[in-house]
């Protein structure tokens, strides 16, 4: 019998299902890891985890069903069904692996450094994000820049964007592109 985390209820798992596997060590910074069920034999299941490691799990291991939003990833983490540390990290990993380096958490933009140059800061992108509301297009630093610029012009309110690393240069390029 499989026990879902925090309960004594059995969990039915089938080939192709996605689950969370709770860490064994219990160390402070350990988090659950996502896995796909490869096969089930009797009281054991074989999984392939997000680190591409295959392992056999016995009923002693604590698992939890993964919400569909955590399987595919989402543009805005507010809509994650598994809104916990492991769910957030997995969502960022899924998007990063698809070269989607920007992800929203409500009105906050999370950027993951791709360690490569991506063709997402062009003049065409500047035009695309001009006068668009956050959420109309995929997450992007230009959406944040346009939102701040629009509020400043429309309401006469000062705006502040907290930026780290080269994102500041991209915001300045965007604002320069808007006003030229």
N, C-alpha and C. Protein backbone atom coordinates (compact mmCIF):
# COMPACT_ATOMS: atom_id res chain seq x y z
N UNK A 1 0.85 -1.18 0.00
CA UNK A 1 0.00 0.00 0.00
C UNK A 1 0.89 1.24 0.00
N UNK A 2 0.61 2.16 -0.89
CA UNK A 2 1.35 3.41 -0.95
C UNK A 2 0.65 4.44 -0.09
N UNK A 3 1.41 5.21 0.64
CA UNK A 3 0.84 6.22 1.51
C UNK A 3 1.19 7.60 0.99
N UNK A 4 0.16 8.40 0.75
CA UNK A 4 0.39 9.76 0.31
C UNK A 4 0.88 10.57 1.49
N UNK A 5 1.77 11.50 1.23
CA UNK A 5 2.38 12.31 2.27
C UNK A 5 1.32 12.90 3.20
N UNK A 6 1.53 12.72 4.48
CA UNK A 6 0.67 13.31 5.48
C UNK A 6 -0.64 12.57 5.70
N UNK A 7 -0.86 11.45 5.05
CA UNK A 7 -2.11 10.71 5.23
C UNK A 7 -1.81 9.24 5.42
N UNK A 8 -2.82 8.49 5.72
CA UNK A 8 -2.69 7.04 5.78
C UNK A 8 -3.50 6.39 4.67
N UNK A 9 -3.86 7.18 3.66
CA UNK A 9 -4.67 6.68 2.56
C UNK A 9 -3.77 6.12 1.46
N UNK A 10 -4.17 5.02 0.85
CA UNK A 10 -3.37 4.48 -0.25
C UNK A 10 -3.43 5.39 -1.48
N UNK A 11 -2.37 5.37 -2.24
CA UNK A 11 -2.28 6.15 -3.46
C UNK A 11 -2.16 5.18 -4.62
N UNK A 12 -3.06 5.27 -5.57
CA UNK A 12 -2.97 4.43 -6.76
C UNK A 12 -2.09 5.14 -7.77
N UNK A 13 -1.03 4.47 -8.22
CA UNK A 13 -0.16 5.05 -9.23
C UNK A 13 -0.10 4.11 -10.43
N UNK A 14 -0.06 4.70 -11.60
CA UNK A 14 -0.05 3.94 -12.83
C UNK A 14 1.10 4.41 -13.72
N UNK A 15 1.47 3.57 -14.64
CA UNK A 15 2.52 3.92 -15.58
C UNK A 15 2.17 5.24 -16.27
N UNK A 16 3.13 6.15 -16.32
CA UNK A 16 2.93 7.45 -16.94
C UNK A 16 2.51 8.54 -15.98
N UNK A 17 2.09 8.17 -14.76
CA UNK A 17 1.72 9.18 -13.75
C UNK A 17 2.96 9.95 -13.32
N UNK A 18 2.74 11.18 -12.87
CA UNK A 18 3.81 11.99 -12.30
C UNK A 18 3.56 12.12 -10.81
N UNK A 19 4.63 12.01 -10.04
CA UNK A 19 4.53 12.04 -8.58
C UNK A 19 5.66 12.90 -8.01
N UNK A 20 5.48 13.27 -6.76
CA UNK A 20 6.55 13.88 -5.97
C UNK A 20 7.11 12.81 -5.05
N UNK A 21 8.42 12.71 -4.97
CA UNK A 21 9.08 11.78 -4.05
C UNK A 21 9.70 12.61 -2.94
N UNK A 22 9.29 12.34 -1.73
CA UNK A 22 9.85 13.06 -0.59
C UNK A 22 11.29 12.62 -0.35
N UNK A 23 12.17 13.56 0.04
CA UNK A 23 13.56 13.18 0.31
C UNK A 23 13.66 12.27 1.52
N UNK A 24 14.68 11.41 1.51
CA UNK A 24 14.87 10.46 2.60
C UNK A 24 15.67 11.08 3.73
N UNK A 25 16.64 11.90 3.41
CA UNK A 25 17.60 12.37 4.40
C UNK A 25 17.01 13.28 5.46
N UNK A 26 16.05 14.10 5.11
CA UNK A 26 15.46 15.00 6.08
C UNK A 26 16.34 16.20 6.40
N UNK A 27 17.36 16.45 5.57
CA UNK A 27 18.20 17.63 5.79
C UNK A 27 17.41 18.89 5.49
N UNK A 28 17.86 19.98 6.05
CA UNK A 28 17.13 21.24 6.01
C UNK A 28 16.77 21.70 4.59
N UNK A 29 17.68 21.58 3.66
CA UNK A 29 17.45 22.13 2.33
C UNK A 29 17.03 21.09 1.29
N UNK A 30 16.73 19.89 1.70
CA UNK A 30 16.24 18.88 0.77
C UNK A 30 14.78 19.16 0.42
N UNK A 31 14.44 18.97 -0.83
CA UNK A 31 13.06 19.14 -1.27
C UNK A 31 12.64 17.91 -2.05
N UNK A 32 11.35 17.76 -2.19
CA UNK A 32 10.82 16.65 -2.99
C UNK A 32 11.30 16.80 -4.42
N UNK A 33 11.32 15.70 -5.14
CA UNK A 33 11.72 15.72 -6.54
C UNK A 33 10.61 15.09 -7.37
N UNK A 34 10.40 15.65 -8.55
CA UNK A 34 9.39 15.11 -9.44
C UNK A 34 9.88 13.85 -10.13
N UNK A 35 8.93 12.98 -10.46
CA UNK A 35 9.29 11.73 -11.15
C UNK A 35 8.09 11.24 -11.95
N UNK A 36 8.40 10.48 -13.00
CA UNK A 36 7.38 9.84 -13.82
C UNK A 36 7.43 8.34 -13.54
N UNK A 37 6.26 7.74 -13.34
CA UNK A 37 6.19 6.30 -13.07
C UNK A 37 6.45 5.56 -14.39
N UNK A 38 7.50 4.72 -14.38
CA UNK A 38 7.87 3.94 -15.56
C UNK A 38 7.12 2.62 -15.57
N UNK A 39 7.07 1.96 -14.41
CA UNK A 39 6.34 0.69 -14.33
C UNK A 39 5.99 0.41 -12.87
N UNK A 40 5.05 -0.49 -12.69
CA UNK A 40 4.65 -0.92 -11.35
C UNK A 40 4.63 -2.43 -11.33
N UNK A 41 5.29 -3.00 -10.34
CA UNK A 41 5.33 -4.45 -10.18
C UNK A 41 5.03 -4.78 -8.72
N UNK A 42 3.86 -5.30 -8.49
CA UNK A 42 3.49 -5.66 -7.13
C UNK A 42 3.47 -4.44 -6.22
N UNK A 43 4.30 -4.49 -5.19
CA UNK A 43 4.33 -3.40 -4.21
C UNK A 43 5.47 -2.42 -4.48
N UNK A 44 6.05 -2.48 -5.66
CA UNK A 44 7.14 -1.56 -6.01
C UNK A 44 6.79 -0.83 -7.30
N UNK A 45 7.30 0.40 -7.40
CA UNK A 45 7.16 1.13 -8.65
C UNK A 45 8.54 1.61 -9.10
N UNK A 46 8.73 1.60 -10.41
CA UNK A 46 9.96 2.13 -10.98
C UNK A 46 9.66 3.53 -11.50
N UNK A 47 10.52 4.49 -11.16
CA UNK A 47 10.32 5.87 -11.59
C UNK A 47 11.59 6.40 -12.24
N UNK A 48 11.41 7.43 -13.05
CA UNK A 48 12.53 8.20 -13.59
C UNK A 48 12.33 9.62 -13.09
N UNK A 49 13.29 10.10 -12.28
CA UNK A 49 13.09 11.40 -11.65
C UNK A 49 13.58 12.54 -12.55
N UNK A 50 13.40 13.76 -12.07
CA UNK A 50 13.76 14.95 -12.85
C UNK A 50 15.26 15.06 -13.09
N UNK A 51 16.06 14.31 -12.36
CA UNK A 51 17.51 14.25 -12.60
C UNK A 51 17.87 13.13 -13.56
N UNK A 52 16.83 12.53 -14.19
CA UNK A 52 17.00 11.42 -15.15
C UNK A 52 17.52 10.15 -14.50
N UNK A 53 17.35 10.03 -13.19
CA UNK A 53 17.78 8.83 -12.47
C UNK A 53 16.59 7.88 -12.33
N UNK A 54 16.82 6.60 -12.66
CA UNK A 54 15.77 5.60 -12.46
C UNK A 54 15.98 4.95 -11.10
N UNK A 55 14.88 4.70 -10.42
CA UNK A 55 14.95 4.05 -9.11
C UNK A 55 13.66 3.29 -8.85
N UNK A 56 13.79 2.30 -8.00
CA UNK A 56 12.63 1.52 -7.56
C UNK A 56 12.21 2.05 -6.20
N UNK A 57 10.91 2.27 -6.04
CA UNK A 57 10.38 2.74 -4.76
C UNK A 57 9.52 1.66 -4.13
N UNK A 58 9.64 1.55 -2.83
CA UNK A 58 8.81 0.63 -2.07
C UNK A 58 7.79 1.44 -1.29
N UNK A 59 6.78 0.80 -0.73
CA UNK A 59 5.73 1.54 -0.03
C UNK A 59 6.21 2.38 1.15
N UNK A 60 7.43 2.15 1.63
CA UNK A 60 7.95 2.94 2.74
C UNK A 60 8.27 4.38 2.32
N UNK A 61 8.51 4.58 1.03
CA UNK A 61 8.83 5.93 0.53
C UNK A 61 7.56 6.76 0.46
N UNK A 62 7.67 7.99 0.89
CA UNK A 62 6.52 8.89 0.87
C UNK A 62 6.43 9.56 -0.50
N UNK A 63 5.27 9.44 -1.11
CA UNK A 63 5.04 10.05 -2.42
C UNK A 63 3.74 10.85 -2.38
N UNK A 64 3.59 11.69 -3.37
CA UNK A 64 2.37 12.49 -3.50
C UNK A 64 2.09 12.67 -4.99
N UNK A 65 0.84 12.62 -5.36
CA UNK A 65 0.46 12.84 -6.76
C UNK A 65 0.84 14.26 -7.17
N UNK A 66 1.31 14.41 -8.41
CA UNK A 66 1.70 15.72 -8.93
C UNK A 66 0.52 16.33 -9.68
N UNK A 67 0.26 17.59 -9.42
CA UNK A 67 -0.80 18.31 -10.12
C UNK A 67 -0.40 18.51 -11.58
N UNK A 68 -1.37 18.52 -12.48
CA UNK A 68 -1.11 18.64 -13.92
C UNK A 68 -0.32 19.90 -14.27
N UNK A 69 -0.52 20.99 -13.52
CA UNK A 69 0.23 22.21 -13.82
C UNK A 69 1.72 22.05 -13.56
N UNK A 70 2.07 21.17 -12.65
CA UNK A 70 3.49 20.92 -12.36
C UNK A 70 4.12 19.99 -13.38
N UNK A 71 3.30 19.24 -14.09
CA UNK A 71 3.82 18.33 -15.11
C UNK A 71 4.28 19.14 -16.33
N UNK A 72 3.46 20.09 -16.76
CA UNK A 72 3.73 20.83 -17.99
C UNK A 72 4.46 22.15 -17.76
N UNK A 73 4.30 22.75 -16.61
CA UNK A 73 4.85 24.07 -16.35
C UNK A 73 3.85 25.15 -16.72
N UNK A 74 3.99 26.31 -16.08
CA UNK A 74 3.07 27.42 -16.30
C UNK A 74 3.85 28.73 -16.42
N UNK A 75 3.25 29.72 -17.09
CA UNK A 75 3.88 31.03 -17.24
C UNK A 75 3.80 31.85 -15.97
N UNK A 76 2.75 31.66 -15.18
CA UNK A 76 2.57 32.40 -13.92
C UNK A 76 2.42 31.39 -12.79
N UNK A 77 3.38 31.41 -11.89
CA UNK A 77 3.40 30.40 -10.83
C UNK A 77 2.27 30.54 -9.83
N UNK A 78 1.52 31.62 -9.89
CA UNK A 78 0.33 31.74 -9.05
C UNK A 78 -0.67 30.64 -9.40
N UNK A 79 -0.64 30.17 -10.66
CA UNK A 79 -1.59 29.14 -11.09
C UNK A 79 -1.09 27.72 -10.87
N UNK A 80 0.06 27.56 -10.22
CA UNK A 80 0.55 26.20 -9.93
C UNK A 80 -0.37 25.50 -8.94
N UNK A 81 -0.71 24.27 -9.23
CA UNK A 81 -1.49 23.47 -8.28
C UNK A 81 -0.64 22.98 -7.12
N UNK A 82 0.66 22.82 -7.37
CA UNK A 82 1.62 22.42 -6.32
C UNK A 82 2.45 23.65 -5.96
N UNK A 83 1.86 24.55 -5.20
CA UNK A 83 2.54 25.79 -4.86
C UNK A 83 3.38 25.59 -3.60
N UNK A 84 4.50 24.92 -3.80
CA UNK A 84 5.48 24.70 -2.73
C UNK A 84 6.86 24.77 -3.36
N UNK A 85 7.90 24.70 -2.54
CA UNK A 85 9.26 24.89 -3.03
C UNK A 85 9.60 23.97 -4.20
N UNK A 86 9.29 22.70 -4.07
CA UNK A 86 9.61 21.75 -5.14
C UNK A 86 8.84 22.08 -6.41
N UNK A 87 7.58 22.47 -6.28
CA UNK A 87 6.77 22.83 -7.44
C UNK A 87 7.31 24.05 -8.17
N UNK A 88 7.74 25.04 -7.40
CA UNK A 88 8.31 26.26 -7.99
C UNK A 88 9.62 25.93 -8.71
N UNK A 89 10.49 25.18 -8.05
CA UNK A 89 11.78 24.83 -8.66
C UNK A 89 11.58 23.99 -9.93
N UNK A 90 10.64 23.06 -9.89
CA UNK A 90 10.40 22.22 -11.07
C UNK A 90 9.84 23.06 -12.23
N UNK A 91 8.95 23.99 -11.91
CA UNK A 91 8.39 24.85 -12.95
C UNK A 91 9.50 25.67 -13.62
N UNK A 92 10.39 26.24 -12.83
CA UNK A 92 11.50 27.01 -13.40
C UNK A 92 12.41 26.12 -14.24
N UNK A 93 12.64 24.89 -13.80
CA UNK A 93 13.47 23.95 -14.55
C UNK A 93 12.83 23.61 -15.90
N UNK A 94 11.54 23.33 -15.90
CA UNK A 94 10.83 23.00 -17.15
C UNK A 94 10.96 24.15 -18.14
N UNK A 95 10.71 25.36 -17.66
CA UNK A 95 10.77 26.53 -18.55
C UNK A 95 12.20 26.80 -19.01
N UNK A 96 13.15 26.66 -18.12
CA UNK A 96 14.56 26.86 -18.47
C UNK A 96 15.00 25.88 -19.56
N UNK A 97 14.59 24.64 -19.43
CA UNK A 97 14.95 23.63 -20.43
C UNK A 97 14.36 23.92 -21.81
N UNK A 98 13.33 24.76 -21.85
CA UNK A 98 12.71 25.16 -23.12
C UNK A 98 13.17 26.56 -23.55
N UNK A 99 14.25 27.06 -22.91
CA UNK A 99 14.78 28.42 -23.16
C UNK A 99 13.75 29.50 -22.87
N UNK A 100 12.83 29.22 -21.97
CA UNK A 100 11.86 30.21 -21.50
C UNK A 100 12.37 30.70 -20.14
N UNK A 101 13.19 31.73 -20.18
CA UNK A 101 13.92 32.13 -18.97
C UNK A 101 13.11 33.02 -18.04
N UNK A 102 11.98 33.54 -18.51
CA UNK A 102 11.15 34.42 -17.69
C UNK A 102 9.89 33.70 -17.25
N UNK A 103 9.53 33.92 -15.99
CA UNK A 103 8.33 33.33 -15.41
C UNK A 103 7.74 34.34 -14.44
N UNK A 104 6.43 34.51 -14.46
CA UNK A 104 5.77 35.41 -13.51
C UNK A 104 5.44 34.68 -12.22
N UNK A 105 5.42 35.45 -11.16
CA UNK A 105 4.76 35.07 -9.91
C UNK A 105 3.89 36.28 -9.59
N UNK A 106 2.69 36.27 -10.11
CA UNK A 106 1.84 37.45 -10.03
C UNK A 106 2.46 38.56 -10.86
N UNK A 107 2.72 39.71 -10.24
CA UNK A 107 3.33 40.84 -10.96
C UNK A 107 4.85 40.84 -10.86
N UNK A 108 5.41 39.82 -10.24
CA UNK A 108 6.87 39.70 -10.11
C UNK A 108 7.39 38.84 -11.25
N UNK A 109 8.49 39.28 -11.85
CA UNK A 109 9.11 38.53 -12.93
C UNK A 109 10.36 37.83 -12.39
N UNK A 110 10.41 36.52 -12.56
CA UNK A 110 11.58 35.73 -12.17
C UNK A 110 12.36 35.44 -13.45
N UNK A 111 13.67 35.73 -13.42
CA UNK A 111 14.53 35.46 -14.57
C UNK A 111 15.59 34.45 -14.16
N UNK A 112 15.79 33.43 -15.00
CA UNK A 112 16.83 32.43 -14.77
C UNK A 112 17.89 32.64 -15.85
N UNK A 113 19.13 32.85 -15.43
CA UNK A 113 20.22 33.12 -16.37
C UNK A 113 20.44 31.92 -17.28
N UNK A 114 20.30 32.11 -18.61
CA UNK A 114 20.46 30.97 -19.53
C UNK A 114 21.92 30.67 -19.87
N UNK A 115 22.83 31.54 -19.46
CA UNK A 115 24.26 31.38 -19.78
C UNK A 115 24.49 31.21 -21.27
N UNK A 116 23.66 31.87 -22.05
CA UNK A 116 23.82 31.93 -23.50
C UNK A 116 23.02 33.13 -23.99
N UNK A 117 23.31 33.58 -25.18
CA UNK A 117 22.58 34.71 -25.75
C UNK A 117 21.35 34.17 -26.47
N UNK A 118 20.20 34.69 -26.08
CA UNK A 118 18.94 34.29 -26.71
C UNK A 118 18.42 35.44 -27.56
N UNK A 119 17.75 35.15 -28.66
CA UNK A 119 17.25 36.21 -29.56
C UNK A 119 15.91 36.76 -29.10
N UNK A 120 15.86 37.25 -27.86
CA UNK A 120 14.58 37.71 -27.30
C UNK A 120 14.60 39.18 -26.92
N UNK A 121 15.62 39.91 -27.38
CA UNK A 121 15.75 41.33 -27.03
C UNK A 121 15.85 42.20 -28.28
N UNK A 122 15.13 41.86 -29.31
CA UNK A 122 15.22 42.55 -30.60
C UNK A 122 14.24 43.73 -30.68
N UNK A 123 14.41 44.54 -31.71
CA UNK A 123 13.49 45.65 -31.95
C UNK A 123 12.07 45.13 -32.17
N UNK A 124 11.96 43.96 -32.79
CA UNK A 124 10.63 43.36 -33.01
C UNK A 124 9.97 43.01 -31.68
N UNK A 125 10.77 42.52 -30.74
CA UNK A 125 10.23 42.20 -29.42
C UNK A 125 9.78 43.47 -28.70
N UNK A 126 10.55 44.55 -28.84
CA UNK A 126 10.16 45.82 -28.23
C UNK A 126 8.79 46.24 -28.76
N UNK A 127 8.60 46.19 -30.07
CA UNK A 127 7.31 46.55 -30.67
C UNK A 127 6.19 45.62 -30.20
N UNK A 128 6.51 44.35 -30.09
CA UNK A 128 5.52 43.36 -29.69
C UNK A 128 4.96 43.64 -28.29
N UNK A 129 5.83 44.04 -27.36
CA UNK A 129 5.41 44.23 -25.97
C UNK A 129 4.88 45.64 -25.69
N UNK A 130 5.00 46.55 -26.64
CA UNK A 130 4.53 47.93 -26.44
C UNK A 130 3.01 47.94 -26.30
N UNK A 131 2.54 48.63 -25.26
CA UNK A 131 1.11 48.81 -24.98
C UNK A 131 0.37 47.51 -24.74
N UNK A 132 1.03 46.53 -24.21
CA UNK A 132 0.39 45.25 -23.86
C UNK A 132 0.33 45.11 -22.35
N UNK A 133 -0.71 44.49 -21.86
CA UNK A 133 -0.84 44.24 -20.43
C UNK A 133 -0.04 42.99 -20.06
N UNK A 134 0.41 42.97 -18.82
CA UNK A 134 1.12 41.79 -18.33
C UNK A 134 0.18 40.60 -18.42
N UNK A 135 0.66 39.52 -18.99
CA UNK A 135 -0.13 38.31 -19.15
C UNK A 135 -0.68 38.12 -20.56
N UNK A 136 -0.72 39.20 -21.36
CA UNK A 136 -1.19 39.06 -22.74
C UNK A 136 -0.21 38.28 -23.60
N UNK A 137 1.07 38.44 -23.31
CA UNK A 137 2.15 37.76 -24.02
C UNK A 137 2.97 36.97 -23.01
N UNK A 138 3.83 36.10 -23.48
CA UNK A 138 4.66 35.34 -22.53
C UNK A 138 5.48 36.27 -21.63
N UNK A 139 5.83 35.80 -20.44
CA UNK A 139 6.62 36.62 -19.52
C UNK A 139 7.90 37.14 -20.17
N UNK A 140 8.21 38.41 -19.89
CA UNK A 140 9.40 39.03 -20.49
C UNK A 140 9.74 40.29 -19.70
N UNK A 141 11.01 40.65 -19.67
CA UNK A 141 11.43 41.88 -19.01
C UNK A 141 10.80 43.09 -19.68
N UNK A 142 10.53 43.01 -20.99
CA UNK A 142 9.90 44.12 -21.70
C UNK A 142 8.47 44.35 -21.22
N UNK A 143 7.78 43.31 -20.80
CA UNK A 143 6.42 43.47 -20.26
C UNK A 143 6.46 44.28 -18.97
N UNK A 144 7.45 44.02 -18.13
CA UNK A 144 7.59 44.77 -16.89
C UNK A 144 7.93 46.23 -17.21
N UNK A 145 8.85 46.44 -18.15
CA UNK A 145 9.21 47.80 -18.55
C UNK A 145 8.03 48.56 -19.10
N UNK A 146 7.25 47.93 -19.96
CA UNK A 146 6.10 48.60 -20.54
C UNK A 146 5.04 48.91 -19.49
N UNK A 147 4.82 47.98 -18.58
CA UNK A 147 3.85 48.20 -17.52
C UNK A 147 4.23 49.41 -16.66
N UNK A 148 5.49 49.50 -16.29
CA UNK A 148 5.96 50.64 -15.49
C UNK A 148 5.86 51.94 -16.26
N UNK A 149 6.29 51.92 -17.51
CA UNK A 149 6.25 53.12 -18.35
C UNK A 149 4.81 53.60 -18.54
N UNK A 150 3.90 52.66 -18.81
CA UNK A 150 2.49 53.00 -19.01
C UNK A 150 1.90 53.63 -17.75
N UNK A 151 2.17 53.04 -16.59
CA UNK A 151 1.65 53.60 -15.33
C UNK A 151 2.23 54.99 -15.06
N UNK A 152 3.49 55.17 -15.36
CA UNK A 152 4.12 56.46 -15.14
C UNK A 152 3.47 57.52 -16.03
N UNK A 153 3.24 57.20 -17.29
CA UNK A 153 2.65 58.17 -18.22
C UNK A 153 1.17 58.40 -17.93
N UNK A 154 0.44 57.34 -17.66
CA UNK A 154 -1.01 57.44 -17.49
C UNK A 154 -1.39 58.11 -16.16
N UNK A 155 -0.71 57.72 -15.08
CA UNK A 155 -1.10 58.18 -13.75
C UNK A 155 -0.13 59.18 -13.14
N UNK A 156 0.97 59.46 -13.82
CA UNK A 156 1.95 60.40 -13.30
C UNK A 156 2.63 59.91 -12.02
N UNK A 157 2.66 58.60 -11.84
CA UNK A 157 3.26 58.03 -10.63
C UNK A 157 4.68 57.56 -10.90
N UNK A 158 5.57 57.86 -9.96
CA UNK A 158 6.92 57.34 -10.06
C UNK A 158 6.88 55.82 -10.02
N UNK A 159 7.80 55.20 -10.71
CA UNK A 159 7.86 53.74 -10.77
C UNK A 159 9.24 53.26 -10.32
N UNK A 160 9.28 52.06 -9.78
CA UNK A 160 10.54 51.46 -9.35
C UNK A 160 10.54 50.00 -9.79
N UNK A 161 11.62 49.59 -10.42
CA UNK A 161 11.79 48.19 -10.81
C UNK A 161 13.08 47.71 -10.17
N UNK A 162 13.00 46.67 -9.37
CA UNK A 162 14.18 46.10 -8.75
C UNK A 162 14.78 45.10 -9.74
N UNK A 163 16.02 45.35 -10.13
CA UNK A 163 16.65 44.57 -11.19
C UNK A 163 18.00 44.06 -10.71
N UNK A 164 18.36 42.90 -11.20
CA UNK A 164 19.66 42.34 -10.90
C UNK A 164 20.34 41.93 -12.21
N UNK A 165 21.60 42.16 -12.31
CA UNK A 165 22.48 41.79 -13.43
C UNK A 165 22.10 42.52 -14.71
N UNK A 166 22.26 41.86 -15.86
CA UNK A 166 22.11 42.53 -17.15
C UNK A 166 20.67 42.88 -17.50
N UNK A 167 19.71 42.49 -16.68
CA UNK A 167 18.32 42.84 -16.96
C UNK A 167 18.13 44.35 -16.99
N UNK A 168 18.93 45.09 -16.24
CA UNK A 168 18.86 46.55 -16.25
C UNK A 168 19.15 47.12 -17.62
N UNK A 169 20.14 46.56 -18.29
CA UNK A 169 20.48 47.02 -19.64
C UNK A 169 19.32 46.74 -20.60
N UNK A 170 18.64 45.62 -20.43
CA UNK A 170 17.52 45.28 -21.30
C UNK A 170 16.33 46.22 -21.06
N UNK A 171 16.10 46.59 -19.81
CA UNK A 171 15.03 47.55 -19.51
C UNK A 171 15.35 48.90 -20.14
N UNK A 172 16.59 49.35 -19.99
CA UNK A 172 16.98 50.63 -20.59
C UNK A 172 16.85 50.59 -22.11
N UNK A 173 17.23 49.48 -22.73
CA UNK A 173 17.07 49.34 -24.17
C UNK A 173 15.60 49.41 -24.55
N UNK A 174 14.75 48.78 -23.74
CA UNK A 174 13.31 48.80 -24.02
C UNK A 174 12.77 50.22 -23.91
N UNK A 175 13.07 50.90 -22.82
CA UNK A 175 12.57 52.26 -22.62
C UNK A 175 13.09 53.20 -23.69
N UNK A 176 14.34 53.02 -24.09
CA UNK A 176 14.90 53.83 -25.18
C UNK A 176 14.16 53.55 -26.48
N UNK A 177 13.87 52.28 -26.73
CA UNK A 177 13.13 51.90 -27.93
C UNK A 177 11.72 52.48 -27.96
N UNK A 178 11.10 52.60 -26.78
CA UNK A 178 9.75 53.16 -26.71
C UNK A 178 9.73 54.64 -27.04
N UNK A 179 10.73 55.34 -26.57
CA UNK A 179 10.72 56.80 -26.69
C UNK A 179 11.41 57.31 -27.94
N UNK A 180 11.99 56.41 -28.74
CA UNK A 180 12.67 56.88 -29.96
C UNK A 180 11.80 56.68 -31.19
